[in-house]
N, C-alpha and C. Protein backbone atom coordinates (compact mmCIF):
# COMPACT_ATOMS: atom_id res chain seq x y z
N MET A 1 0.83 -1.25 -0.11
CA MET A 1 -0.05 0.03 0.00
C MET A 1 0.92 1.23 0.04
N GLU A 2 0.61 2.03 -0.86
CA GLU A 2 1.30 3.38 -1.04
C GLU A 2 0.87 4.52 -0.28
N VAL A 3 1.87 5.21 0.47
CA VAL A 3 1.31 6.26 1.40
C VAL A 3 1.46 7.61 0.43
N SER A 4 0.38 8.30 0.41
CA SER A 4 0.56 9.57 -0.48
C SER A 4 1.29 10.53 0.23
N PRO A 5 2.16 11.15 -0.52
CA PRO A 5 3.08 12.21 0.16
C PRO A 5 2.32 13.39 0.66
N VAL A 6 2.84 13.91 1.74
CA VAL A 6 2.14 15.11 2.16
C VAL A 6 2.62 16.44 1.44
N SER A 7 1.58 17.01 0.96
CA SER A 7 1.83 18.32 0.21
C SER A 7 2.66 19.37 1.25
N PRO A 8 3.75 20.14 0.74
CA PRO A 8 4.35 21.01 1.39
C PRO A 8 3.43 22.21 1.79
N HIS A 9 2.31 22.24 1.13
CA HIS A 9 1.32 23.37 1.48
C HIS A 9 0.23 23.00 2.42
N THR A 10 0.25 21.77 2.84
CA THR A 10 -0.53 21.37 3.97
C THR A 10 -0.12 21.56 5.26
N PRO A 11 -0.84 22.26 6.24
CA PRO A 11 -0.33 22.71 7.36
C PRO A 11 -0.47 21.64 8.31
N PRO A 12 0.46 21.38 9.25
CA PRO A 12 0.37 20.17 10.23
C PRO A 12 -0.94 20.21 11.24
N ARG A 13 -1.49 19.10 11.49
CA ARG A 13 -2.68 18.92 12.09
C ARG A 13 -2.41 19.46 13.86
N ILE A 14 -3.56 19.97 14.38
CA ILE A 14 -3.50 20.45 15.63
C ILE A 14 -3.55 19.12 16.48
N PRO A 15 -2.55 18.85 17.43
CA PRO A 15 -2.73 17.76 18.20
C PRO A 15 -4.02 17.60 19.07
N ALA A 16 -4.27 16.20 19.37
CA ALA A 16 -5.56 15.95 20.00
C ALA A 16 -5.46 16.58 21.51
N GLY A 17 -4.22 16.71 21.99
CA GLY A 17 -4.05 17.27 23.40
C GLY A 17 -4.64 18.62 23.37
N VAL A 18 -4.35 19.36 22.34
CA VAL A 18 -4.86 20.79 22.26
C VAL A 18 -6.33 20.75 22.31
N TRP A 19 -7.05 19.97 21.45
CA TRP A 19 -8.48 19.84 21.47
C TRP A 19 -9.03 19.47 22.95
N VAL A 20 -8.42 18.61 23.52
CA VAL A 20 -8.75 18.15 24.72
C VAL A 20 -8.73 19.34 25.92
N LEU A 21 -7.51 19.85 25.97
CA LEU A 21 -7.21 21.00 26.80
C LEU A 21 -8.31 22.23 26.49
N GLY A 22 -8.68 22.47 25.16
CA GLY A 22 -9.81 23.46 24.91
C GLY A 22 -11.02 23.13 25.57
N PHE A 23 -11.50 21.71 25.31
CA PHE A 23 -12.68 21.16 25.70
C PHE A 23 -12.75 21.34 27.42
N VAL A 24 -11.76 20.89 27.99
CA VAL A 24 -11.75 20.87 29.54
C VAL A 24 -11.97 22.32 29.89
N SER A 25 -11.19 23.16 29.33
CA SER A 25 -11.19 24.66 29.61
C SER A 25 -12.54 25.16 29.46
N MET A 26 -13.24 24.78 28.37
CA MET A 26 -14.56 25.28 27.97
C MET A 26 -15.51 24.75 29.23
N LEU A 27 -15.50 23.52 29.49
CA LEU A 27 -16.35 22.89 30.58
C LEU A 27 -16.13 23.52 31.86
N MET A 28 -14.82 23.92 32.26
CA MET A 28 -14.52 24.58 33.51
C MET A 28 -15.10 25.96 33.47
N ASP A 29 -14.98 26.70 32.35
CA ASP A 29 -15.48 28.02 32.17
C ASP A 29 -17.07 28.06 32.36
N ILE A 30 -17.66 27.08 31.80
CA ILE A 30 -19.16 27.14 31.77
C ILE A 30 -19.60 26.80 33.23
N SER A 31 -18.97 25.94 33.88
CA SER A 31 -19.36 25.52 35.36
C SER A 31 -19.02 26.86 36.18
N SER A 32 -18.04 27.46 36.12
CA SER A 32 -17.63 28.61 36.84
C SER A 32 -18.48 29.79 36.48
N GLU A 33 -18.94 30.02 35.09
CA GLU A 33 -19.95 31.10 34.98
C GLU A 33 -21.31 30.95 35.45
N MET A 34 -21.66 29.70 35.49
CA MET A 34 -23.02 29.44 36.07
C MET A 34 -23.02 29.69 37.61
N ILE A 35 -21.95 29.29 38.31
CA ILE A 35 -21.87 29.57 39.85
C ILE A 35 -21.81 31.10 40.05
N HIS A 36 -20.62 31.46 39.35
CA HIS A 36 -20.18 32.93 39.73
C HIS A 36 -21.08 34.14 39.31
N SER A 37 -22.02 33.76 38.29
CA SER A 37 -22.97 34.88 37.88
C SER A 37 -24.03 34.92 38.98
N LEU A 38 -24.50 33.94 39.69
CA LEU A 38 -25.25 33.87 40.73
C LEU A 38 -24.85 34.16 42.20
N LEU A 39 -23.51 34.05 42.27
CA LEU A 39 -22.83 34.00 43.66
C LEU A 39 -23.08 35.45 44.32
N PRO A 40 -23.05 36.55 43.74
CA PRO A 40 -23.50 37.69 44.43
C PRO A 40 -24.89 37.89 44.97
N LEU A 41 -25.69 37.36 44.06
CA LEU A 41 -26.96 37.38 44.69
C LEU A 41 -27.25 36.40 45.70
N PHE A 42 -26.61 35.37 45.68
CA PHE A 42 -26.66 34.26 46.70
C PHE A 42 -26.05 34.97 48.10
N LEU A 43 -25.01 35.64 47.95
CA LEU A 43 -24.48 36.09 49.17
C LEU A 43 -25.32 37.17 49.67
N VAL A 44 -25.74 38.21 48.90
CA VAL A 44 -26.56 39.35 49.63
C VAL A 44 -27.87 38.91 49.77
N GLY A 45 -28.75 38.17 48.95
CA GLY A 45 -30.05 37.64 49.13
C GLY A 45 -30.20 36.66 50.20
N THR A 46 -29.42 35.83 50.05
CA THR A 46 -29.68 34.56 50.97
C THR A 46 -28.89 34.62 52.29
N LEU A 47 -27.74 34.96 52.14
CA LEU A 47 -26.64 34.86 53.29
C LEU A 47 -26.66 36.31 54.07
N GLY A 48 -27.20 37.22 53.47
CA GLY A 48 -27.22 38.79 54.08
C GLY A 48 -25.98 39.51 54.24
N VAL A 49 -24.99 39.16 53.16
CA VAL A 49 -23.82 39.83 53.02
C VAL A 49 -23.86 41.23 52.40
N SER A 50 -23.11 42.13 52.83
CA SER A 50 -23.20 43.62 52.22
C SER A 50 -22.72 43.65 50.89
N VAL A 51 -23.05 44.54 49.98
CA VAL A 51 -22.54 44.56 48.79
C VAL A 51 -21.00 44.95 48.82
N LEU A 52 -20.54 45.78 49.74
CA LEU A 52 -19.22 45.92 49.86
C LEU A 52 -18.52 44.81 50.24
N ALA A 53 -19.03 43.90 50.93
CA ALA A 53 -18.23 42.57 51.47
C ALA A 53 -18.22 41.65 50.22
N VAL A 54 -19.29 41.79 49.25
CA VAL A 54 -19.10 41.00 47.99
C VAL A 54 -18.05 41.66 47.07
N GLY A 55 -17.98 42.80 47.02
CA GLY A 55 -16.91 43.42 46.28
C GLY A 55 -15.48 43.01 46.78
N ILE A 56 -15.35 43.12 48.23
CA ILE A 56 -14.07 42.71 48.75
C ILE A 56 -13.68 41.14 48.53
N ILE A 57 -14.72 40.34 48.77
CA ILE A 57 -14.56 38.95 48.37
C ILE A 57 -14.12 38.68 46.88
N GLU A 58 -14.71 39.29 45.99
CA GLU A 58 -14.50 39.16 44.54
C GLU A 58 -12.98 39.57 44.18
N GLY A 59 -12.81 40.97 44.78
CA GLY A 59 -11.44 41.46 44.70
C GLY A 59 -10.36 40.64 45.10
N LEU A 60 -10.47 40.15 46.32
CA LEU A 60 -9.51 39.16 47.06
C LEU A 60 -9.36 37.81 46.20
N ALA A 61 -10.43 37.36 45.64
CA ALA A 61 -10.46 36.11 44.70
C ALA A 61 -9.65 36.34 43.62
N GLU A 62 -9.90 37.16 42.80
CA GLU A 62 -9.20 37.67 41.55
C GLU A 62 -7.73 37.92 41.71
N SER A 63 -7.55 38.59 42.93
CA SER A 63 -6.08 38.92 43.00
C SER A 63 -5.28 37.71 43.45
N THR A 64 -6.04 36.78 44.28
CA THR A 64 -5.37 35.54 44.52
C THR A 64 -5.02 34.76 43.39
N ALA A 65 -5.91 34.62 42.26
CA ALA A 65 -5.80 33.93 41.13
C ALA A 65 -4.76 34.64 40.48
N LEU A 66 -4.37 35.86 40.17
CA LEU A 66 -3.47 36.43 39.43
C LEU A 66 -1.89 36.30 40.29
N ILE A 67 -1.96 36.27 41.60
CA ILE A 67 -0.79 36.18 42.25
C ILE A 67 -0.19 34.77 42.15
N SER A 68 -1.21 33.79 42.28
CA SER A 68 -0.88 32.35 42.22
C SER A 68 -0.38 31.99 40.92
N MET A 69 -0.88 32.58 39.85
CA MET A 69 -0.39 32.40 38.43
C MET A 69 1.00 32.65 38.35
N VAL A 70 1.65 33.70 38.91
CA VAL A 70 3.00 34.16 38.83
C VAL A 70 3.91 32.71 39.34
N PHE A 71 3.45 32.38 40.63
CA PHE A 71 4.16 31.49 41.21
C PHE A 71 4.01 29.95 40.40
N SER A 72 2.94 29.68 39.92
CA SER A 72 2.74 28.57 39.31
C SER A 72 3.63 28.40 37.98
N GLY A 73 3.68 29.54 37.22
CA GLY A 73 4.58 29.50 36.16
C GLY A 73 6.01 29.23 36.43
N ALA A 74 6.45 29.90 37.42
CA ALA A 74 7.80 29.54 38.09
C ALA A 74 7.96 28.19 38.54
N LEU A 75 6.89 27.71 39.07
CA LEU A 75 7.05 26.28 39.45
C LEU A 75 6.93 25.30 38.49
N SER A 76 6.12 25.64 37.48
CA SER A 76 6.13 24.74 36.38
C SER A 76 7.45 24.63 35.49
N ASP A 77 8.02 25.72 35.62
CA ASP A 77 9.43 25.76 34.74
C ASP A 77 10.54 25.16 35.61
N TYR A 78 10.33 25.16 36.88
CA TYR A 78 11.40 24.52 37.84
C TYR A 78 11.21 22.94 37.92
N LEU A 79 10.00 22.67 37.90
CA LEU A 79 9.84 21.24 38.13
C LEU A 79 9.54 20.30 36.74
N GLY A 80 9.20 21.17 35.81
CA GLY A 80 9.02 20.56 34.56
C GLY A 80 7.64 19.58 34.38
N ARG A 81 6.88 19.72 35.38
CA ARG A 81 5.71 18.89 35.55
C ARG A 81 4.54 19.65 35.35
N ARG A 82 4.25 20.05 34.04
CA ARG A 82 3.18 20.86 33.56
C ARG A 82 1.99 20.30 33.63
N LYS A 83 1.82 18.86 33.18
CA LYS A 83 0.53 18.20 33.30
C LYS A 83 -0.14 18.06 34.75
N GLY A 84 0.87 17.73 35.50
CA GLY A 84 0.37 17.40 36.83
C GLY A 84 -0.04 18.92 37.65
N LEU A 85 0.50 19.86 37.45
CA LEU A 85 0.05 21.15 37.76
C LEU A 85 -1.12 21.62 37.19
N ALA A 86 -1.31 21.52 35.96
CA ALA A 86 -2.62 21.78 35.21
C ALA A 86 -3.79 21.00 35.82
N GLU A 87 -3.43 19.55 36.01
CA GLU A 87 -4.67 18.68 36.65
C GLU A 87 -4.82 19.19 38.09
N LEU A 88 -3.77 19.60 38.89
CA LEU A 88 -4.23 19.94 40.16
C LEU A 88 -5.08 21.11 40.14
N GLY A 89 -4.68 22.23 39.33
CA GLY A 89 -5.49 23.40 39.13
C GLY A 89 -7.02 23.04 38.84
N TYR A 90 -7.14 22.29 37.88
CA TYR A 90 -8.50 21.83 37.42
C TYR A 90 -9.18 21.22 38.41
N ALA A 91 -8.61 20.20 39.19
CA ALA A 91 -9.22 19.48 40.11
C ALA A 91 -9.58 20.48 41.25
N MET A 92 -8.75 21.47 41.85
CA MET A 92 -9.17 22.18 42.85
C MET A 92 -10.50 23.04 42.48
N GLY A 93 -10.41 23.59 41.18
CA GLY A 93 -11.67 24.20 40.65
C GLY A 93 -12.94 23.35 40.70
N ALA A 94 -12.80 22.06 40.13
CA ALA A 94 -13.87 21.26 40.07
C ALA A 94 -14.60 20.84 41.48
N LEU A 95 -13.48 20.55 42.26
CA LEU A 95 -13.92 20.15 43.69
C LEU A 95 -14.69 21.17 44.47
N THR A 96 -14.47 22.47 44.30
CA THR A 96 -15.03 23.38 45.08
C THR A 96 -16.51 23.89 44.38
N LYS A 97 -16.79 23.43 43.16
CA LYS A 97 -18.17 23.80 42.69
C LYS A 97 -19.42 23.22 43.69
N PRO A 98 -19.34 21.99 44.17
CA PRO A 98 -20.40 21.62 45.08
C PRO A 98 -20.55 22.39 46.34
N VAL A 99 -19.31 22.78 46.83
CA VAL A 99 -19.34 23.61 48.02
C VAL A 99 -20.15 24.73 48.15
N PHE A 100 -20.27 25.50 46.94
CA PHE A 100 -21.24 26.74 46.82
C PHE A 100 -22.61 26.43 47.05
N ALA A 101 -23.03 25.12 46.44
CA ALA A 101 -24.38 24.77 46.66
C ALA A 101 -24.60 24.41 48.05
N MET A 102 -23.61 23.91 48.78
CA MET A 102 -23.90 23.38 50.24
C MET A 102 -23.61 24.37 51.09
N ALA A 103 -23.06 25.48 50.78
CA ALA A 103 -22.70 26.55 51.73
C ALA A 103 -23.86 27.15 52.60
N SER A 104 -23.44 27.25 53.91
CA SER A 104 -24.57 27.60 54.82
C SER A 104 -24.07 28.95 55.46
N GLY A 105 -22.95 29.18 55.15
CA GLY A 105 -22.38 30.58 55.59
C GLY A 105 -21.49 31.22 54.85
N VAL A 106 -20.99 32.58 55.08
CA VAL A 106 -20.14 33.18 54.20
C VAL A 106 -18.72 32.64 54.27
N GLY A 107 -18.48 31.98 55.41
CA GLY A 107 -17.07 31.27 55.50
C GLY A 107 -16.90 30.19 54.54
N MET A 108 -17.84 29.46 54.35
CA MET A 108 -17.62 28.37 53.22
C MET A 108 -17.59 28.80 51.77
N VAL A 109 -18.34 30.03 51.63
CA VAL A 109 -18.34 30.64 50.28
C VAL A 109 -16.87 31.18 49.91
N VAL A 110 -16.45 31.84 50.96
CA VAL A 110 -15.13 32.56 50.90
C VAL A 110 -14.04 31.46 50.51
N ALA A 111 -14.09 30.29 51.45
CA ALA A 111 -13.10 29.21 51.38
C ALA A 111 -13.06 28.54 49.92
N ALA A 112 -14.51 28.39 49.48
CA ALA A 112 -14.60 27.98 48.16
C ALA A 112 -14.13 28.72 47.03
N ARG A 113 -14.32 29.95 47.22
CA ARG A 113 -14.05 30.85 46.11
C ARG A 113 -12.47 31.00 46.26
N PHE A 114 -11.90 31.11 47.32
CA PHE A 114 -10.32 31.13 47.37
C PHE A 114 -9.86 30.01 46.85
N ILE A 115 -10.28 28.82 47.15
CA ILE A 115 -9.59 27.58 46.70
C ILE A 115 -9.77 27.48 45.02
N ASP A 116 -10.98 27.92 44.70
CA ASP A 116 -11.23 27.92 43.10
C ASP A 116 -10.35 28.80 42.41
N ARG A 117 -10.05 30.00 43.01
CA ARG A 117 -9.11 30.99 42.28
C ARG A 117 -7.66 30.52 42.42
N VAL A 118 -7.30 29.90 43.38
CA VAL A 118 -5.93 29.41 43.48
C VAL A 118 -5.78 28.38 42.46
N GLY A 119 -6.88 27.36 42.38
CA GLY A 119 -6.88 26.52 41.29
C GLY A 119 -6.75 27.03 40.02
N LYS A 120 -7.45 28.25 39.74
CA LYS A 120 -7.38 28.90 38.35
C LYS A 120 -5.95 29.39 38.13
N GLY A 121 -5.45 30.01 39.29
CA GLY A 121 -3.87 30.53 39.06
C GLY A 121 -2.83 29.41 38.96
N ILE A 122 -3.16 28.26 39.42
CA ILE A 122 -2.34 27.10 39.32
C ILE A 122 -2.24 26.56 38.12
N ARG A 123 -3.49 26.42 37.36
CA ARG A 123 -3.59 25.67 36.13
C ARG A 123 -3.20 26.60 34.90
N GLY A 124 -3.26 27.74 34.90
CA GLY A 124 -3.23 28.79 33.85
C GLY A 124 -1.78 28.59 33.07
N ALA A 125 -0.72 29.08 33.89
CA ALA A 125 0.71 29.07 33.22
C ALA A 125 1.18 27.65 32.83
N PRO A 126 0.91 26.40 33.61
CA PRO A 126 1.44 25.15 33.17
C PRO A 126 0.51 24.71 31.99
N ARG A 127 -0.76 25.02 31.92
CA ARG A 127 -1.49 24.74 30.88
C ARG A 127 -1.08 25.17 29.57
N ASP A 128 -0.72 26.53 29.55
CA ASP A 128 -0.13 27.23 28.26
C ASP A 128 1.38 26.76 28.03
N ALA A 129 1.99 26.41 28.88
CA ALA A 129 3.40 25.93 28.63
C ALA A 129 3.25 24.51 28.17
N LEU A 130 2.31 23.63 28.41
CA LEU A 130 1.96 22.28 28.08
C LEU A 130 1.43 22.39 26.51
N LEU A 131 0.71 23.56 26.15
CA LEU A 131 0.17 23.60 24.95
C LEU A 131 1.57 24.10 24.07
N ALA A 132 2.38 24.88 24.38
CA ALA A 132 3.50 25.10 23.71
C ALA A 132 4.36 23.69 23.52
N ASP A 133 4.55 23.10 24.63
CA ASP A 133 5.37 21.87 24.40
C ASP A 133 4.79 20.83 23.41
N ILE A 134 3.41 20.65 23.31
CA ILE A 134 2.87 19.62 22.49
C ILE A 134 2.57 20.12 21.06
N THR A 135 2.94 21.36 20.70
CA THR A 135 2.74 21.72 19.44
C THR A 135 4.08 22.31 18.65
N SER A 136 4.04 22.25 17.44
CA SER A 136 5.14 22.73 16.78
C SER A 136 5.08 24.05 16.45
N PRO A 137 6.16 24.90 16.31
CA PRO A 137 6.19 26.20 16.06
C PRO A 137 5.22 26.76 15.06
N ALA A 138 4.95 25.96 14.03
CA ALA A 138 4.25 26.11 12.66
C ALA A 138 2.73 26.30 13.16
N ILE A 139 2.19 25.67 14.22
CA ILE A 139 0.89 25.79 14.54
C ILE A 139 0.67 26.04 15.85
N ARG A 140 1.63 26.69 16.47
CA ARG A 140 1.55 27.10 18.08
C ARG A 140 0.42 28.37 18.18
N GLY A 141 0.43 29.14 17.16
CA GLY A 141 -0.73 30.13 17.19
C GLY A 141 -2.02 29.72 17.18
N ALA A 142 -2.17 28.59 16.21
CA ALA A 142 -3.49 28.29 15.98
C ALA A 142 -3.87 27.34 17.22
N ALA A 143 -3.00 26.71 17.75
CA ALA A 143 -3.31 25.87 19.01
C ALA A 143 -3.63 26.73 20.13
N PHE A 144 -2.92 27.86 20.21
CA PHE A 144 -3.41 28.84 21.46
C PHE A 144 -4.82 29.48 21.13
N GLY A 145 -4.96 29.74 19.77
CA GLY A 145 -6.20 30.39 19.45
C GLY A 145 -7.39 29.46 19.63
N LEU A 146 -7.16 28.19 19.21
CA LEU A 146 -8.14 27.06 19.60
C LEU A 146 -8.42 27.12 21.02
N ARG A 147 -7.52 27.13 21.81
CA ARG A 147 -7.83 26.97 23.33
C ARG A 147 -8.46 28.18 23.92
N GLN A 148 -8.05 29.36 23.37
CA GLN A 148 -8.68 30.63 23.78
C GLN A 148 -10.20 30.76 23.35
N CYS A 149 -10.49 30.31 22.11
CA CYS A 149 -11.73 30.51 21.63
C CYS A 149 -12.89 29.86 22.37
N SER A 150 -12.35 28.89 23.21
CA SER A 150 -13.50 28.14 24.00
C SER A 150 -14.06 28.99 25.12
N THR A 151 -13.22 29.93 25.51
CA THR A 151 -13.63 30.66 26.70
C THR A 151 -14.79 31.56 26.29
N PRO A 152 -14.72 32.56 25.40
CA PRO A 152 -15.94 33.35 25.13
C PRO A 152 -17.07 32.56 24.62
N TRP A 153 -16.85 31.46 24.05
CA TRP A 153 -18.00 30.70 23.60
C TRP A 153 -18.71 29.98 24.99
N ALA A 154 -17.94 29.59 25.84
CA ALA A 154 -18.42 29.07 27.13
C ALA A 154 -19.20 30.12 27.78
N ARG A 155 -18.70 31.33 27.95
CA ARG A 155 -19.16 32.45 28.92
C ARG A 155 -20.72 32.76 28.38
N SER A 156 -20.84 32.91 27.08
CA SER A 156 -22.25 33.36 26.75
C SER A 156 -23.46 32.42 27.13
N PRO A 157 -23.44 31.14 26.62
CA PRO A 157 -24.58 30.40 27.19
C PRO A 157 -24.60 30.14 28.73
N ALA A 158 -23.46 29.94 29.26
CA ALA A 158 -23.40 29.95 30.72
C ALA A 158 -24.21 31.08 31.44
N ARG A 159 -23.91 32.20 31.04
CA ARG A 159 -24.66 33.31 31.64
C ARG A 159 -25.97 33.41 31.42
N CYS A 160 -26.71 32.63 30.44
CA CYS A 160 -27.98 32.61 30.31
C CYS A 160 -28.67 31.36 30.93
N TRP A 161 -27.81 30.38 31.22
CA TRP A 161 -28.34 29.19 31.74
C TRP A 161 -29.08 29.42 33.02
N PRO A 162 -28.53 29.86 34.04
CA PRO A 162 -29.09 29.82 35.28
C PRO A 162 -30.46 30.74 35.39
N ARG A 163 -30.57 31.56 34.44
CA ARG A 163 -31.82 32.64 34.22
C ARG A 163 -32.92 32.09 33.45
N ALA A 164 -32.50 30.98 32.80
CA ALA A 164 -33.60 30.44 31.84
C ALA A 164 -34.80 29.81 32.43
């Protein structure tokens, strides 16, 4: 059986790992948006937290994600264990989702939000480095574009879901 030669004009295919990371990222974004879009209403309406406290909680959560992202990138480079760190970050985010539904007080919500954002920070840089590791330079931009395009797509339906 003869194998047809690859045309020099045919771009390389995007590896399956890139598609998997994009799909996982999209699912994580959908679950996060479903919860985080309702979280301020839950905190204020059900738990009786002030709007100022909600702002402080959200600000601390997002700054925690950004700070942990810096350290996870350095740790990923030092250890060279990109997949393990990305899995840890995704697991932290996934495991906190049920805690929001079970929360009976502000402390549980703050702890879950903090762990969720640390997980986001831990997974970001190693995931991007893993994408760079598994793709050739010729398609690296396409691979990052594919992974990034899952985020806005995930956010629009997720914001509509809880309100439907």
